[in-house]
Protein backbone atom coordinates (compact mmCIF):
# COMPACT_ATOMS: atom_id res chain seq x y z
CA MET A 1 61.81 -113.31 -95.30
CA THR A 2 64.92 -111.38 -96.16
CA ASP A 3 65.78 -108.19 -97.82
CA ALA A 4 66.67 -108.75 -101.40
CA THR A 5 70.09 -107.28 -102.41
CA THR A 6 71.21 -105.85 -105.74
CA ALA A 7 73.13 -108.32 -107.88
CA THR A 8 76.42 -107.18 -109.22
CA ASP A 9 78.50 -107.92 -112.33
CA GLY A 10 81.83 -106.28 -111.79
CA ASP A 11 80.99 -102.64 -110.85
CA GLU A 12 77.58 -102.51 -112.59
CA SER A 13 74.43 -103.16 -110.60
CA THR A 14 71.43 -104.92 -112.10
CA GLU A 15 67.88 -103.85 -111.88
CA LYS A 16 65.94 -104.85 -108.92
CA ARG A 17 62.29 -105.79 -109.39
CA ALA A 18 59.45 -106.32 -106.80
CA ALA A 19 55.86 -107.27 -107.38
CA VAL A 20 53.64 -105.29 -104.95
CA LEU A 21 50.21 -106.36 -103.98
CA LEU A 22 48.66 -102.87 -104.28
CA SER A 23 45.17 -102.95 -103.03
CA GLY A 24 44.83 -99.19 -102.78
CA GLY A 25 44.85 -99.25 -99.12
CA MET A 26 46.97 -97.54 -96.63
CA ASP A 27 49.03 -100.67 -95.84
CA SER A 28 49.73 -101.74 -99.41
CA ALA A 29 50.55 -98.26 -100.32
CA THR A 30 53.11 -97.87 -97.55
CA ALA A 31 54.57 -101.41 -98.45
CA ALA A 32 54.98 -100.00 -102.16
CA TYR A 33 56.80 -96.94 -100.96
CA GLU A 34 58.94 -99.10 -98.80
CA ALA A 35 59.86 -101.30 -101.65
CA ARG A 36 60.65 -98.26 -103.81
CA ASP A 37 62.85 -96.91 -100.77
CA ARG A 38 64.75 -100.20 -100.88
CA GLY A 39 65.55 -99.56 -104.54
CA TYR A 40 63.10 -101.89 -106.28
CA ASP A 41 61.42 -101.09 -109.61
CA ILE A 42 57.56 -101.57 -108.78
CA TYR A 43 55.33 -104.09 -110.47
CA ALA A 44 52.06 -103.40 -109.10
CA LEU A 45 49.35 -106.12 -108.94
CA HIS A 46 45.85 -105.06 -107.99
CA THR A 47 43.10 -107.74 -107.47
CA SER A 48 39.42 -107.04 -107.76
CA TYR A 49 37.50 -109.97 -106.20
CA GLY A 50 33.92 -108.61 -105.66
CA GLN A 51 34.71 -106.60 -102.47
CA ARG A 52 32.17 -103.79 -101.74
CA THR A 53 34.62 -100.91 -102.59
CA GLU A 54 36.42 -102.53 -105.40
CA ASP A 55 35.87 -99.57 -107.77
CA ARG A 56 37.32 -97.04 -105.29
CA GLU A 57 40.22 -99.34 -104.57
CA LEU A 58 41.22 -99.75 -108.19
CA GLU A 59 40.95 -96.00 -108.62
CA CYS A 60 43.42 -95.53 -105.73
CA ALA A 61 45.61 -98.38 -106.80
CA ARG A 62 45.90 -96.77 -110.33
CA ARG A 63 46.85 -93.52 -109.00
CA LEU A 64 49.46 -94.84 -106.58
CA ALA A 65 51.06 -96.72 -109.38
CA ASP A 66 51.32 -93.52 -111.39
CA GLU A 67 52.64 -91.71 -108.35
CA LEU A 68 55.25 -94.42 -107.87
CA ASP A 69 56.22 -94.39 -111.58
CA ALA A 70 55.55 -98.13 -111.56
CA ALA A 71 57.16 -100.23 -114.31
CA ASP A 72 53.99 -102.04 -114.72
CA PHE A 73 50.35 -102.15 -113.37
CA LEU A 74 48.27 -105.33 -113.60
CA GLN A 75 44.73 -105.48 -112.66
CA ILE A 76 43.22 -109.11 -112.25
CA GLU A 77 39.64 -109.67 -111.77
CA THR A 78 38.49 -112.74 -110.12
CA GLY A 79 35.12 -113.82 -108.85
CA HIS A 80 35.91 -116.81 -106.99
CA LEU A 81 36.40 -115.31 -103.44
CA SER A 82 33.08 -113.69 -103.92
CA ALA A 83 31.41 -116.71 -105.23
CA ILE A 84 32.67 -118.69 -102.17
CA GLY A 85 31.44 -115.94 -99.88
CA ALA A 86 31.55 -116.26 -96.01
CA SER A 87 32.87 -112.72 -95.66
CA SER A 88 30.99 -109.44 -95.15
CA LEU A 89 33.40 -107.88 -97.71
CA THR A 90 32.05 -110.01 -100.41
CA ASP A 91 28.54 -111.23 -99.35
CA ASP A 92 25.71 -108.73 -99.59
CA GLU A 93 23.57 -110.52 -97.24
CA MET A 94 26.27 -110.16 -94.51
CA ALA A 95 26.48 -106.70 -92.72
CA VAL A 96 29.91 -105.04 -92.25
CA ALA A 97 30.14 -104.63 -88.50
CA ASP A 98 31.02 -101.69 -86.63
CA ALA A 99 34.57 -101.69 -85.12
CA ASP A 100 35.13 -103.88 -82.10
CA MET A 101 38.78 -103.10 -81.49
CA ASP A 102 39.10 -105.09 -78.31
CA SER A 103 37.58 -108.23 -79.62
CA ASP A 104 39.77 -111.43 -80.06
CA GLU A 105 37.28 -113.10 -82.50
CA ILE A 106 38.02 -113.52 -86.13
CA PRO A 107 35.90 -110.74 -87.73
CA THR A 108 33.33 -111.17 -90.30
CA SER A 109 35.32 -109.19 -92.82
CA TYR A 110 37.85 -112.13 -92.97
CA VAL A 111 37.85 -113.59 -96.40
CA PRO A 112 38.78 -117.18 -96.15
CA PHE A 113 42.31 -117.79 -97.12
CA ARG A 114 42.45 -114.62 -99.13
CA ASN A 115 46.14 -113.85 -98.77
CA ALA A 116 47.13 -117.25 -100.21
CA ASN A 117 45.01 -116.62 -103.25
CA LEU A 118 46.63 -113.11 -103.69
CA LEU A 119 50.11 -114.22 -103.04
CA ALA A 120 49.90 -117.08 -105.51
CA MET A 121 48.82 -114.50 -108.13
CA ALA A 122 51.49 -112.16 -107.16
CA VAL A 123 54.31 -114.96 -107.19
CA SER A 124 52.97 -115.92 -110.85
CA TYR A 125 53.28 -112.18 -111.79
CA ALA A 126 56.79 -111.97 -110.07
CA GLU A 127 58.22 -114.99 -111.74
CA ALA A 128 56.95 -114.00 -115.10
CA ASN A 129 58.59 -110.55 -114.72
CA ASP A 130 61.87 -111.69 -113.16
CA CYS A 131 61.00 -110.11 -109.83
CA GLU A 132 63.17 -110.84 -106.70
CA ALA A 133 60.54 -110.10 -104.13
CA VAL A 134 56.74 -109.90 -103.59
CA PHE A 135 55.72 -107.24 -101.03
CA ILE A 136 52.37 -107.33 -99.00
CA GLY A 137 51.46 -104.82 -96.41
CA ALA A 138 50.01 -107.20 -93.75
CA HIS A 139 50.70 -106.19 -90.07
CA SER A 140 50.45 -107.29 -86.42
CA GLU A 141 46.89 -105.82 -85.78
CA ASP A 142 45.81 -107.78 -88.95
CA PHE A 143 47.16 -111.06 -87.78
CA SER A 144 45.33 -110.69 -84.33
CA GLY A 145 42.08 -111.30 -86.30
CA TYR A 146 43.12 -112.72 -89.73
CA PRO A 147 44.98 -116.08 -89.67
CA ASP A 148 46.52 -115.52 -93.07
CA CYS A 149 48.35 -112.39 -91.75
CA ARG A 150 50.50 -114.15 -89.24
CA PRO A 151 54.28 -114.19 -89.60
CA GLU A 152 54.41 -117.87 -89.71
CA PHE A 153 51.94 -117.84 -92.62
CA PHE A 154 54.41 -115.77 -94.72
CA GLU A 155 57.36 -117.87 -93.80
CA ALA A 156 55.45 -121.03 -94.76
CA PHE A 157 54.35 -119.48 -98.09
CA GLU A 158 57.94 -118.57 -98.97
CA ASN A 159 58.76 -122.32 -98.64
CA VAL A 160 56.02 -123.02 -101.06
CA VAL A 161 57.40 -120.52 -103.48
CA ASP A 162 60.88 -122.08 -103.22
CA VAL A 163 59.48 -125.52 -103.98
CA GLY A 164 56.91 -124.54 -106.67
CA THR A 165 58.97 -122.20 -108.98
CA LYS A 166 61.67 -122.90 -111.46
CA PRO A 167 65.04 -123.86 -110.18
CA GLU A 168 66.60 -120.68 -111.10
CA THR A 169 63.66 -118.39 -109.58
CA ASP A 170 64.38 -116.79 -106.18
CA ILE A 171 61.59 -114.92 -104.84
CA SER A 172 61.21 -113.66 -101.29
CA ILE A 173 57.98 -112.89 -99.72
CA GLU A 174 58.37 -109.37 -97.95
CA ALA A 175 55.95 -108.49 -95.28
CA PRO A 176 58.08 -105.63 -93.77
CA PHE A 177 55.38 -104.38 -91.36
CA VAL A 178 54.39 -107.97 -90.06
CA GLU A 179 55.52 -107.07 -86.41
CA TRP A 180 54.21 -103.46 -86.59
CA SER A 181 51.08 -101.73 -85.59
CA LYS A 182 48.92 -99.49 -87.69
CA THR A 183 50.27 -96.52 -85.78
CA ASP A 184 53.87 -97.64 -86.78
CA ILE A 185 52.91 -97.94 -90.50
CA ALA A 186 51.33 -94.41 -90.39
CA GLU A 187 54.38 -92.88 -88.93
CA HIS A 188 56.67 -94.60 -91.16
CA GLY A 189 54.53 -93.74 -94.26
CA VAL A 190 54.38 -90.13 -93.45
CA GLY A 191 58.22 -90.13 -93.35
CA LEU A 192 58.22 -91.90 -96.76
CA GLU A 193 55.86 -89.23 -98.05
CA VAL A 194 53.07 -91.78 -99.02
CA PRO A 195 50.19 -89.87 -100.46
CA TYR A 196 47.57 -91.22 -98.22
CA GLU A 197 44.89 -88.90 -99.85
CA HIS A 198 44.96 -91.48 -102.74
CA THR A 199 44.38 -94.50 -100.55
CA TRP A 200 41.22 -96.13 -99.38
CA SER A 201 40.54 -98.38 -96.33
CA CYS A 202 36.75 -98.43 -95.75
CA TYR A 203 34.96 -101.79 -95.88
CA ARG A 204 31.53 -100.20 -96.40
CA GLU A 205 31.50 -97.24 -98.95
CA ASN A 206 33.16 -95.79 -101.83
CA GLU A 207 32.83 -92.31 -100.56
CA PRO A 208 33.03 -90.85 -98.06
CA ALA A 209 34.51 -93.45 -95.82
CA CYS A 210 32.14 -94.54 -93.08
CA GLY A 211 34.52 -94.00 -90.15
CA THR A 212 33.11 -96.86 -87.99
CA CYS A 213 33.94 -100.05 -89.49
CA ASP A 214 37.17 -102.01 -88.37
CA ALA A 215 39.25 -100.68 -91.19
CA CYS A 216 38.24 -97.18 -90.74
CA ALA A 217 38.57 -97.29 -86.92
CA PHE A 218 42.25 -98.68 -86.95
CA ARG A 219 43.20 -96.21 -89.69
CA LEU A 220 41.74 -93.21 -87.86
CA GLN A 221 43.19 -94.38 -84.65
CA ALA A 222 46.76 -94.50 -86.27
CA PHE A 223 46.54 -91.11 -87.60
CA GLN A 224 45.30 -89.68 -84.45
CA ASN A 225 48.05 -91.40 -82.33
CA ILE A 226 50.69 -89.59 -84.45
CA GLY A 227 48.77 -86.15 -84.57
CA VAL A 228 48.27 -86.10 -88.29
CA ARG A 229 44.92 -85.62 -89.97
CA ASP A 230 43.81 -88.38 -92.09
CA PRO A 231 43.46 -86.68 -95.51
CA ILE A 232 40.51 -88.85 -96.82
CA GLU A 233 36.85 -87.77 -96.26
CA TYR A 234 34.77 -89.59 -93.57
CA ALA A 235 31.12 -89.59 -92.85
CA GLU A 236 31.94 -89.75 -89.21
CA ARG A 237 35.39 -89.11 -87.69
CA PRO A 238 35.13 -90.38 -84.17
CA SER A 239 38.11 -90.23 -81.80
CA TYR A 240 39.75 -93.71 -81.33
CA VAL A 241 42.68 -92.52 -78.98
CA ASP A 242 42.62 -93.73 -75.63
CA GLU A 243 41.92 -90.98 -73.08
């Protein structure tokens, strides 16, 4: 995973384009603003796959794309991950568990091999639009529980992209926060002026956020660690900072 550089022809620079997996969540929003900060034009891809909060996530993703002045916004609806099931995000018969931030188990919210599915769509979108990179907001606290968020997964997927695209296609898989914590991302995003009020992380509810699922807990903890109030509404706002 390398930083894409601007191609040059004499003294003139060519446009840099990046496809960004824009879920509407905190991490993907920060990845999109990071891509813009690196000089890329944003081609935003949002996927709805039957997750419980898909309507709110789509609303946030559209708003973020507008804020970023994205060159394009594409929503793809796919039901296969929901049909496959085996995740509390997509299966109504499975409850979304309360946060257990010390657990080493893969959480029930894991959607089997989701990132491979999403990245495959993003690479298709990137190649069709002459993008040089695909950005995804995965990070270290994700890969402690989700096997498709590990650095070696993204490195392996980049090799698949190299083999499976046109000879002249050169697309890097950029996971800029893969070694970062959620707190690192929050601090960096505040510096980038990411409008976190237009993001959504809750696994359970469209409004207000529950405050107690894994996604809410890690998000609230990150903001509490940097001393910034999370701007979205919560049904509960527990303290997740270690005393």
